[in-house]
Amino acid sequence: MGKILQALYEGEIYPERQYRPKIKEYEKLWKEYYKNHEDFIKKIGSPLDKQFIQIMDQQLDMFPLELSETFLDGFRLGARMMIETFEDKD
């Protein structure tokens, strides 16, 4: 078994935890989002701030599921591309 597959099997690789876009635009948008989030929390005050944070936490809990499905779909697409490449029926 290859090194990557072995590491994945043994739990040494965590794709869902290690993924982070490396483009500058993402960094900029993330900083802007965080600032807007903090400003909004300050504006609404208690008890709405706690409810808003709870709602945002629920949304963030869904993100790993979406990322997982995206990873799996991408992996399957890549595998299908490899199969098609090796079949080479033309």
PDB file of N, CA and C in Angstrom:
ATOM      1  N   MET A   1       0.855  -1.182   0.000  1.00  0.00           N
ATOM      2  CA  MET A   1       0.000   0.000   0.000  1.00  0.00           C
ATOM      3  C   MET A   1       0.897   1.239   0.000  1.00  0.00           C
ATOM      4  N   GLY A   2       0.489   2.290  -0.733  1.00  0.00           N
ATOM      5  CA  GLY A   2       1.280   3.508  -0.808  1.00  0.00           C
ATOM      6  C   GLY A   2       1.329   4.247   0.511  1.00  0.00           C
ATOM      7  N   LYS A   3       2.297   5.133   0.646  1.00  0.00           N
ATOM      8  CA  LYS A   3       2.467   5.886   1.889  1.00  0.00           C
ATOM      9  C   LYS A   3       1.244   6.740   2.220  1.00  0.00           C
ATOM     10  N   ILE A   4       0.687   7.374   1.219  1.00  0.00           N
ATOM     11  CA  ILE A   4      -0.474   8.237   1.467  1.00  0.00           C
ATOM     12  C   ILE A   4      -1.673   7.406   1.899  1.00  0.00           C
ATOM     13  N   LEU A   5      -1.943   6.301   1.216  1.00  0.00           N
ATOM     14  CA  LEU A   5      -3.081   5.461   1.594  1.00  0.00           C
ATOM     15  C   LEU A   5      -2.897   4.876   2.986  1.00  0.00           C
ATOM     16  N   GLN A   6      -1.683   4.486   3.316  1.00  0.00           N
ATOM     17  CA  GLN A   6      -1.399   3.944   4.647  1.00  0.00           C
ATOM     18  C   GLN A   6      -1.643   5.013   5.719  1.00  0.00           C
ATOM     19  N   ALA A   7      -1.145   6.219   5.476  1.00  0.00           N
ATOM     20  CA  ALA A   7      -1.330   7.313   6.432  1.00  0.00           C
ATOM     21  C   ALA A   7      -2.811   7.661   6.589  1.00  0.00           C
ATOM     22  N   LEU A   8      -3.548   7.647   5.488  1.00  0.00           N
ATOM     23  CA  LEU A   8      -4.982   7.921   5.555  1.00  0.00           C
ATOM     24  C   LEU A   8      -5.695   6.839   6.351  1.00  0.00           C
ATOM     25  N   TYR A   9      -5.354   5.586   6.089  1.00  0.00           N
ATOM     26  CA  TYR A   9      -5.967   4.460   6.801  1.00  0.00           C
ATOM     27  C   TYR A   9      -5.668   4.518   8.296  1.00  0.00           C
ATOM     28  N   GLU A  10      -4.454   4.879   8.642  1.00  0.00           N
ATOM     29  CA  GLU A  10      -4.043   4.897  10.046  1.00  0.00           C
ATOM     30  C   GLU A  10      -4.449   6.175  10.772  1.00  0.00           C
ATOM     31  N   GLY A  11      -5.160   7.051  10.089  1.00  0.00           N
ATOM     32  CA  GLY A  11      -5.671   8.256  10.734  1.00  0.00           C
ATOM     33  C   GLY A  11      -4.638   9.354  10.904  1.00  0.00           C
ATOM     34  N   GLU A  12      -3.606   9.332  10.099  1.00  0.00           N
ATOM     35  CA  GLU A  12      -2.564  10.358  10.189  1.00  0.00           C
ATOM     36  C   GLU A  12      -2.852  11.549   9.284  1.00  0.00           C
ATOM     37  N   ILE A  13      -3.771  11.373   8.373  1.00  0.00           N
ATOM     38  CA  ILE A  13      -4.151  12.438   7.451  1.00  0.00           C
ATOM     39  C   ILE A  13      -5.612  12.789   7.712  1.00  0.00           C
ATOM     40  N   TYR A  14      -5.874  14.074   7.850  1.00  0.00           N
ATOM     41  CA  TYR A  14      -7.233  14.564   8.107  1.00  0.00           C
ATOM     42  C   TYR A  14      -7.583  15.605   7.039  1.00  0.00           C
ATOM     43  N   PRO A  15      -7.989  15.181   5.848  1.00  0.00           N
ATOM     44  CA  PRO A  15      -8.261  16.154   4.781  1.00  0.00           C
ATOM     45  C   PRO A  15      -9.243  17.248   5.189  1.00  0.00           C
ATOM     46  N   GLU A  16     -10.270  16.888   5.937  1.00  0.00           N
ATOM     47  CA  GLU A  16     -11.278  17.893   6.298  1.00  0.00           C
ATOM     48  C   GLU A  16     -10.743  18.920   7.283  1.00  0.00           C
ATOM     49  N   ARG A  17      -9.742  18.585   8.041  1.00  0.00           N
ATOM     50  CA  ARG A  17      -9.169  19.531   9.008  1.00  0.00           C
ATOM     51  C   ARG A  17      -7.977  20.291   8.440  1.00  0.00           C
ATOM     52  N   GLN A  18      -7.352  19.745   7.435  1.00  0.00           N
ATOM     53  CA  GLN A  18      -6.141  20.350   6.900  1.00  0.00           C
ATOM     54  C   GLN A  18      -6.401  21.277   5.720  1.00  0.00           C
ATOM     55  N   TYR A  19      -7.601  21.228   5.177  1.00  0.00           N
ATOM     56  CA  TYR A  19      -7.895  22.028   3.993  1.00  0.00           C
ATOM     57  C   TYR A  19      -8.114  23.483   4.363  1.00  0.00           C
ATOM     58  N   ARG A  20      -7.467  24.348   3.651  1.00  0.00           N
ATOM     59  CA  ARG A  20      -7.712  25.779   3.755  1.00  0.00           C
ATOM     60  C   ARG A  20      -7.259  26.408   2.450  1.00  0.00           C
ATOM     61  N   PRO A  21      -8.140  27.131   1.800  1.00  0.00           N
ATOM     62  CA  PRO A  21      -7.735  27.767   0.537  1.00  0.00           C
ATOM     63  C   PRO A  21      -6.498  28.637   0.749  1.00  0.00           C
ATOM     64  N   LYS A  22      -5.619  28.624  -0.232  1.00  0.00           N
ATOM     65  CA  LYS A  22      -4.368  29.355  -0.117  1.00  0.00           C
ATOM     66  C   LYS A  22      -4.331  30.597  -1.003  1.00  0.00           C
ATOM     67  N   ILE A  23      -5.476  31.007  -1.488  1.00  0.00           N
ATOM     68  CA  ILE A  23      -5.500  32.181  -2.351  1.00  0.00           C
ATOM     69  C   ILE A  23      -5.692  33.447  -1.515  1.00  0.00           C
ATOM     70  N   LYS A  24      -5.102  34.522  -1.985  1.00  0.00           N
ATOM     71  CA  LYS A  24      -5.151  35.809  -1.261  1.00  0.00           C
ATOM     72  C   LYS A  24      -6.586  36.315  -1.103  1.00  0.00           C
ATOM     73  N   GLU A  25      -7.408  36.098  -2.112  1.00  0.00           N
ATOM     74  CA  GLU A  25      -8.789  36.567  -2.056  1.00  0.00           C
ATOM     75  C   GLU A  25      -9.537  35.943  -0.882  1.00  0.00           C
ATOM     76  N   TYR A  26      -9.285  34.662  -0.617  1.00  0.00           N
ATOM     77  CA  TYR A  26      -9.932  33.989   0.503  1.00  0.00           C
ATOM     78  C   TYR A  26      -9.519  34.638   1.823  1.00  0.00           C
ATOM     79  N   GLU A  27      -8.223  34.896   1.991  1.00  0.00           N
ATOM     80  CA  GLU A  27      -7.731  35.545   3.223  1.00  0.00           C
ATOM     81  C   GLU A  27      -8.434  36.879   3.435  1.00  0.00           C
ATOM     82  N   LYS A  28      -8.521  37.662   2.363  1.00  0.00           N
ATOM     83  CA  LYS A  28      -9.160  38.980   2.444  1.00  0.00           C
ATOM     84  C   LYS A  28     -10.631  38.845   2.839  1.00  0.00           C
ATOM     85  N   LEU A  29     -11.343  37.925   2.176  1.00  0.00           N
ATOM     86  CA  LEU A  29     -12.757  37.733   2.484  1.00  0.00           C
ATOM     87  C   LEU A  29     -12.964  37.216   3.901  1.00  0.00           C
ATOM     88  N   TRP A  30     -12.069  36.335   4.356  1.00  0.00           N
ATOM     89  CA  TRP A  30     -12.181  35.796   5.712  1.00  0.00           C
ATOM     90  C   TRP A  30     -12.003  36.904   6.750  1.00  0.00           C
ATOM     91  N   LYS A  31     -11.011  37.766   6.576  1.00  0.00           N
ATOM     92  CA  LYS A  31     -10.777  38.873   7.513  1.00  0.00           C
ATOM     93  C   LYS A  31     -11.967  39.831   7.525  1.00  0.00           C
ATOM     94  N   GLU A  32     -12.504  40.110   6.342  1.00  0.00           N
ATOM     95  CA  GLU A  32     -13.670  40.988   6.241  1.00  0.00           C
ATOM     96  C   GLU A  32     -14.878  40.364   6.933  1.00  0.00           C
ATOM     97  N   TYR A  33     -15.096  39.065   6.698  1.00  0.00           N
ATOM     98  CA  TYR A  33     -16.194  38.353   7.347  1.00  0.00           C
ATOM     99  C   TYR A  33     -16.054  38.422   8.864  1.00  0.00           C
ATOM    100  N   TYR A  34     -14.865  38.136   9.374  1.00  0.00           N
ATOM    101  CA  TYR A  34     -14.642  38.107  10.815  1.00  0.00           C
ATOM    102  C   TYR A  34     -14.901  39.481  11.429  1.00  0.00           C
ATOM    103  N   LYS A  35     -14.412  40.535  10.780  1.00  0.00           N
ATOM    104  CA  LYS A  35     -14.633  41.895  11.282  1.00  0.00           C
ATOM    105  C   LYS A  35     -16.125  42.220  11.292  1.00  0.00           C
ATOM    106  N   ASN A  36     -16.829  41.896  10.203  1.00  0.00           N
ATOM    107  CA  ASN A  36     -18.278  42.158  10.145  1.00  0.00           C
ATOM    108  C   ASN A  36     -19.026  41.362  11.206  1.00  0.00           C
ATOM    109  N   HIS A  37     -18.610  40.131  11.428  1.00  0.00           N
ATOM    110  CA  HIS A  37     -19.227  39.279  12.447  1.00  0.00           C
ATOM    111  C   HIS A  37     -19.070  39.914  13.831  1.00  0.00           C
ATOM    112  N   GLU A  38     -17.854  40.311  14.154  1.00  0.00           N
ATOM    113  CA  GLU A  38     -17.591  40.922  15.465  1.00  0.00           C
ATOM    114  C   GLU A  38     -18.352  42.235  15.630  1.00  0.00           C
ATOM    115  N   ASP A  39     -18.374  43.057  14.595  1.00  0.00           N
ATOM    116  CA  ASP A  39     -19.103  44.327  14.652  1.00  0.00           C
ATOM    117  C   ASP A  39     -20.593  44.093  14.865  1.00  0.00           C
ATOM    118  N   PHE A  40     -21.144  43.105  14.194  1.00  0.00           N
ATOM    119  CA  PHE A  40     -22.571  42.801  14.312  1.00  0.00           C
ATOM    120  C   PHE A  40     -22.912  42.326  15.723  1.00  0.00           C
ATOM    121  N   ILE A  41     -22.075  41.468  16.283  1.00  0.00           N
ATOM    122  CA  ILE A  41     -22.295  40.968  17.649  1.00  0.00           C
ATOM    123  C   ILE A  41     -22.341  42.139  18.638  1.00  0.00           C
ATOM    124  N   LYS A  42     -21.442  43.080  18.468  1.00  0.00           N
ATOM    125  CA  LYS A  42     -21.409  44.241  19.365  1.00  0.00           C
ATOM    126  C   LYS A  42     -22.671  45.087  19.222  1.00  0.00           C
ATOM    127  N   LYS A  43     -23.171  45.205  17.996  1.00  0.00           N
ATOM    128  CA  LYS A  43     -24.346  46.043  17.747  1.00  0.00           C
ATOM    129  C   LYS A  43     -25.624  45.454  18.331  1.00  0.00           C
ATOM    130  N   ILE A  44     -25.811  44.149  18.220  1.00  0.00           N
ATOM    131  CA  ILE A  44     -27.098  43.590  18.644  1.00  0.00           C
ATOM    132  C   ILE A  44     -27.194  43.380  20.145  1.00  0.00           C
ATOM    133  N   GLY A  45     -26.071  43.192  20.837  1.00  0.00           N
ATOM    134  CA  GLY A  45     -26.088  43.046  22.288  1.00  0.00           C
ATOM    135  C   GLY A  45     -26.839  41.816  22.770  1.00  0.00           C
ATOM    136  N   SER A  46     -26.873  41.634  24.080  1.00  0.00           N
ATOM    137  CA  SER A  46     -27.535  40.479  24.694  1.00  0.00           C
ATOM    138  C   SER A  46     -29.045  40.678  24.647  1.00  0.00           C
ATOM    139  N   PRO A  47     -29.864  39.653  24.635  1.00  0.00           N
ATOM    140  CA  PRO A  47     -29.568  38.229  24.491  1.00  0.00           C
ATOM    141  C   PRO A  47     -29.474  37.780  23.036  1.00  0.00           C
ATOM    142  N   LEU A  48     -29.713  38.717  22.078  1.00  0.00           N
ATOM    143  CA  LEU A  48     -29.684  38.337  20.672  1.00  0.00           C
ATOM    144  C   LEU A  48     -28.297  37.871  20.226  1.00  0.00           C
ATOM    145  N   ASP A  49     -27.248  38.391  20.846  1.00  0.00           N
ATOM    146  CA  ASP A  49     -25.909  37.985  20.432  1.00  0.00           C
ATOM    147  C   ASP A  49     -25.686  36.488  20.660  1.00  0.00           C
ATOM    148  N   LYS A  50     -26.183  35.985  21.767  1.00  0.00           N
ATOM    149  CA  LYS A  50     -26.021  34.551  22.060  1.00  0.00           C
ATOM    150  C   LYS A  50     -26.829  33.695  21.080  1.00  0.00           C
ATOM    151  N   GLN A  51     -28.020  34.150  20.734  1.00  0.00           N
ATOM    152  CA  GLN A  51     -28.850  33.427  19.773  1.00  0.00           C
ATOM    153  C   GLN A  51     -28.189  33.450  18.386  1.00  0.00           C
ATOM    154  N   PHE A  52     -27.658  34.594  18.010  1.00  0.00           N
ATOM    155  CA  PHE A  52     -26.988  34.715  16.723  1.00  0.00           C
ATOM    156  C   PHE A  52     -25.764  33.792  16.659  1.00  0.00           C
ATOM    157  N   ILE A  53     -24.983  33.766  17.718  1.00  0.00           N
ATOM    158  CA  ILE A  53     -23.803  32.894  17.763  1.00  0.00           C
ATOM    159  C   ILE A  53     -24.224  31.433  17.650  1.00  0.00           C
ATOM    160  N   GLN A  54     -25.317  31.070  18.309  1.00  0.00           N
ATOM    161  CA  GLN A  54     -25.822  29.694  18.223  1.00  0.00           C
ATOM    162  C   GLN A  54     -26.224  29.352  16.785  1.00  0.00           C
ATOM    163  N   ILE A  55     -26.893  30.268  16.116  1.00  0.00           N
ATOM    164  CA  ILE A  55     -27.295  30.055  14.726  1.00  0.00           C
ATOM    165  C   ILE A  55     -26.066  29.910  13.837  1.00  0.00           C
ATOM    166  N   MET A  56     -25.084  30.760  14.040  1.00  0.00           N
ATOM    167  CA  MET A  56     -23.854  30.683  13.246  1.00  0.00           C
ATOM    168  C   MET A  56     -23.115  29.376  13.519  1.00  0.00           C
ATOM    169  N   ASP A  57     -23.097  28.936  14.764  1.00  0.00           N
ATOM    170  CA  ASP A  57     -22.450  27.660  15.105  1.00  0.00           C
ATOM    171  C   ASP A  57     -23.139  26.495  14.399  1.00  0.00           C
ATOM    172  N   GLN A  58     -24.466  26.538  14.319  1.00  0.00           N
ATOM    173  CA  GLN A  58     -25.202  25.493  13.607  1.00  0.00           C
ATOM    174  C   GLN A  58     -24.815  25.474  12.135  1.00  0.00           C
ATOM    175  N   GLN A  59     -24.681  26.663  11.556  1.00  0.00           N
ATOM    176  CA  GLN A  59     -24.283  26.742  10.158  1.00  0.00           C
ATOM    177  C   GLN A  59     -22.869  26.192   9.982  1.00  0.00           C
ATOM    178  N   LEU A  60     -21.970  26.528  10.890  1.00  0.00           N
ATOM    179  CA  LEU A  60     -20.596  26.040  10.801  1.00  0.00           C
ATOM    180  C   LEU A  60     -20.514  24.536  11.001  1.00  0.00           C
ATOM    181  N   ASP A  61     -21.437  23.974  11.761  1.00  0.00           N
ATOM    182  CA  ASP A  61     -21.465  22.520  11.945  1.00  0.00           C
ATOM    183  C   ASP A  61     -21.795  21.804  10.638  1.00  0.00           C
ATOM    184  N   MET A  62     -22.496  22.473   9.738  1.00  0.00           N
ATOM    185  CA  MET A  62     -22.843  21.872   8.454  1.00  0.00           C
ATOM    186  C   MET A  62     -21.678  21.909   7.476  1.00  0.00           C
ATOM    187  N   PHE A  63     -20.779  22.850   7.654  1.00  0.00           N
ATOM    188  CA  PHE A  63     -19.686  23.041   6.703  1.00  0.00           C
ATOM    189  C   PHE A  63     -18.816  21.799   6.514  1.00  0.00           C
ATOM    190  N   PRO A  64     -18.397  21.104   7.578  1.00  0.00           N
ATOM    191  CA  PRO A  64     -17.590  19.889   7.356  1.00  0.00           C
ATOM    192  C   PRO A  64     -18.324  18.826   6.540  1.00  0.00           C
ATOM    193  N   LEU A  65     -19.637  18.737   6.681  1.00  0.00           N
ATOM    194  CA  LEU A  65     -20.410  17.780   5.896  1.00  0.00           C
ATOM    195  C   LEU A  65     -20.387  18.154   4.420  1.00  0.00           C
ATOM    196  N   GLU A  66     -20.518  19.450   4.145  1.00  0.00           N
ATOM    197  CA  GLU A  66     -20.463  19.916   2.763  1.00  0.00           C
ATOM    198  C   GLU A  66     -19.070  19.688   2.184  1.00  0.00           C
ATOM    199  N   LEU A  67     -18.050  19.981   2.967  1.00  0.00           N
ATOM    200  CA  LEU A  67     -16.677  19.798   2.520  1.00  0.00           C
ATOM    201  C   LEU A  67     -16.394  18.323   2.256  1.00  0.00           C
ATOM    202  N   SER A  68     -16.906  17.453   3.105  1.00  0.00           N
ATOM    203  CA  SER A  68     -16.726  16.018   2.934  1.00  0.00           C
ATOM    204  C   SER A  68     -17.349  15.552   1.623  1.00  0.00           C
ATOM    205  N   GLU A  69     -18.574  15.975   1.356  1.00  0.00           N
ATOM    206  CA  GLU A  69     -19.242  15.584   0.120  1.00  0.00           C
ATOM    207  C   GLU A  69     -18.493  16.123  -1.103  1.00  0.00           C
ATOM    208  N   THR A  70     -18.001  17.345  -1.007  1.00  0.00           N
ATOM    209  CA  THR A  70     -17.243  17.926  -2.109  1.00  0.00           C
ATOM    210  C   THR A  70     -15.970  17.133  -2.364  1.00  0.00           C
ATOM    211  N   PHE A  71     -15.279  16.753  -1.295  1.00  0.00           N
ATOM    212  CA  PHE A  71     -14.065  15.946  -1.411  1.00  0.00           C
ATOM    213  C   PHE A  71     -14.377  14.608  -2.071  1.00  0.00           C
ATOM    214  N   LEU A  72     -15.417  13.937  -1.590  1.00  0.00           N
ATOM    215  CA  LEU A  72     -15.777  12.628  -2.136  1.00  0.00           C
ATOM    216  C   LEU A  72     -16.171  12.725  -3.610  1.00  0.00           C
ATOM    217  N   ASP A  73     -16.968  13.729  -3.951  1.00  0.00           N
ATOM    218  CA  ASP A  73     -17.367  13.905  -5.346  1.00  0.00           C
ATOM    219  C   ASP A  73     -16.143  14.172  -6.228  1.00  0.00           C
ATOM    220  N   GLY A  74     -15.237  15.005  -5.753  1.00  0.00           N
ATOM    221  CA  GLY A  74     -14.019  15.302  -6.507  1.00  0.00           C
ATOM    222  C   GLY A  74     -13.140  14.076  -6.675  1.00  0.00           C
ATOM    223  N   PHE A  75     -13.027  13.286  -5.619  1.00  0.00           N
ATOM    224  CA  PHE A  75     -12.222  12.069  -5.680  1.00  0.00           C
ATOM    225  C   PHE A  75     -12.832  11.086  -6.678  1.00  0.00           C
ATOM    226  N   ARG A  76     -14.149  10.930  -6.617  1.00  0.00           N
ATOM    227  CA  ARG A  76     -14.825  10.017  -7.559  1.00  0.00           C
ATOM    228  C   ARG A  76     -14.640  10.475  -9.000  1.00  0.00           C
ATOM    229  N   LEU A  77     -14.752  11.780  -9.220  1.00  0.00           N
ATOM    230  CA  LEU A  77     -14.554  12.321 -10.563  1.00  0.00           C
ATOM    231  C   LEU A  77     -13.134  12.028 -11.031  1.00  0.00           C
ATOM    232  N   GLY A  78     -12.153  12.241 -10.175  1.00  0.00           N
ATOM    233  CA  GLY A  78     -10.765  11.948 -10.526  1.00  0.00           C
ATOM    234  C   GLY A  78     -10.565  10.473 -10.833  1.00  0.00           C
ATOM    235  N   ALA A  79     -11.176   9.610 -10.049  1.00  0.00           N
ATOM    236  CA  ALA A  79     -11.064   8.166 -10.283  1.00  0.00           C
ATOM    237  C   ALA A  79     -11.699   7.788 -11.623  1.00  0.00           C
ATOM    238  N   ARG A  80     -12.861   8.371 -11.931  1.00  0.00           N
ATOM    239  CA  ARG A  80     -13.513   8.086 -13.215  1.00  0.00           C
ATOM    240  C   ARG A  80     -12.650   8.571 -14.378  1.00  0.00           C
ATOM    241  N   MET A  81     -11.986   9.715 -14.180  1.00  0.00           N
ATOM    242  CA  MET A  81     -11.094  10.224 -15.220  1.00  0.00           C
ATOM    243  C   MET A  81      -9.923   9.268 -15.443  1.00  0.00           C
ATOM    244  N   MET A  82      -9.382   8.722 -14.359  1.00  0.00           N
ATOM    245  CA  MET A  82      -8.270   7.778 -14.480  1.00  0.00           C
ATOM    246  C   MET A  82      -8.719   6.499 -15.176  1.00  0.00           C
ATOM    247  N   ILE A  83      -9.899   6.003 -14.828  1.00  0.00           N
ATOM    248  CA  ILE A  83     -10.431   4.804 -15.489  1.00  0.00           C
ATOM    249  C   ILE A  83     -10.585   5.049 -16.976  1.00  0.00           C
ATOM    250  N   GLU A  84     -11.174   6.192 -17.311  1.00  0.00           N
ATOM    251  CA  GLU A  84     -11.355   6.518 -18.723  1.00  0.00           C
ATOM    252  C   GLU A  84     -10.014   6.639 -19.442  1.00  0.00           C
ATOM    253  N   THR A  85      -9.033   7.203 -18.782  1.00  0.00           N
ATOM    254  CA  THR A  85      -7.700   7.351 -19.380  1.00  0.00           C
ATOM    255  C   THR A  85      -7.084   5.994 -19.660  1.00  0.00           C
ATOM    256  N   PHE A  86      -7.190   5.078 -18.713  1.00  0.00           N
ATOM    257  CA  PHE A  86      -6.574   3.759 -18.882  1.00  0.00           C
ATOM    258  C   PHE A  86      -7.358   2.858 -19.836  1.00  0.00           C
ATOM    259  N   GLU A  87      -8.664   3.099 -19.963  1.00  0.00           N
ATOM    260  CA  GLU A  87      -9.448   2.299 -20.908  1.00  0.00           C
ATOM    261  C   GLU A  87      -9.091   2.638 -22.346  1.00  0.00           C
ATOM    262  N   ASP A  88      -8.930   3.891 -22.626  1.00  0.00           N
ATOM    263  CA  ASP A  88      -8.513   4.395 -23.939  1.00  0.00           C
ATOM    264  C   ASP A  88      -9.063   3.550 -25.082  1.00  0.00           C
ATOM    265  N   LYS A  89     -10.357   3.637 -25.295  1.00  0.00           N
ATOM    266  CA  LYS A  89     -11.034   2.827 -26.315  1.00  0.00           C
ATOM    267  C   LYS A  89     -10.863   3.378 -27.723  1.00  0.00           C
ATOM    268  N   ASP A  90     -10.311   4.544 -27.863  1.00  0.00           N
ATOM    269  CA  ASP A  90     -10.154   5.158 -29.194  1.00  0.00           C
ATOM    270  C   ASP A  90      -9.048   4.533 -29.985  1.00  0.00           C
TER     271      ASP A  90
END
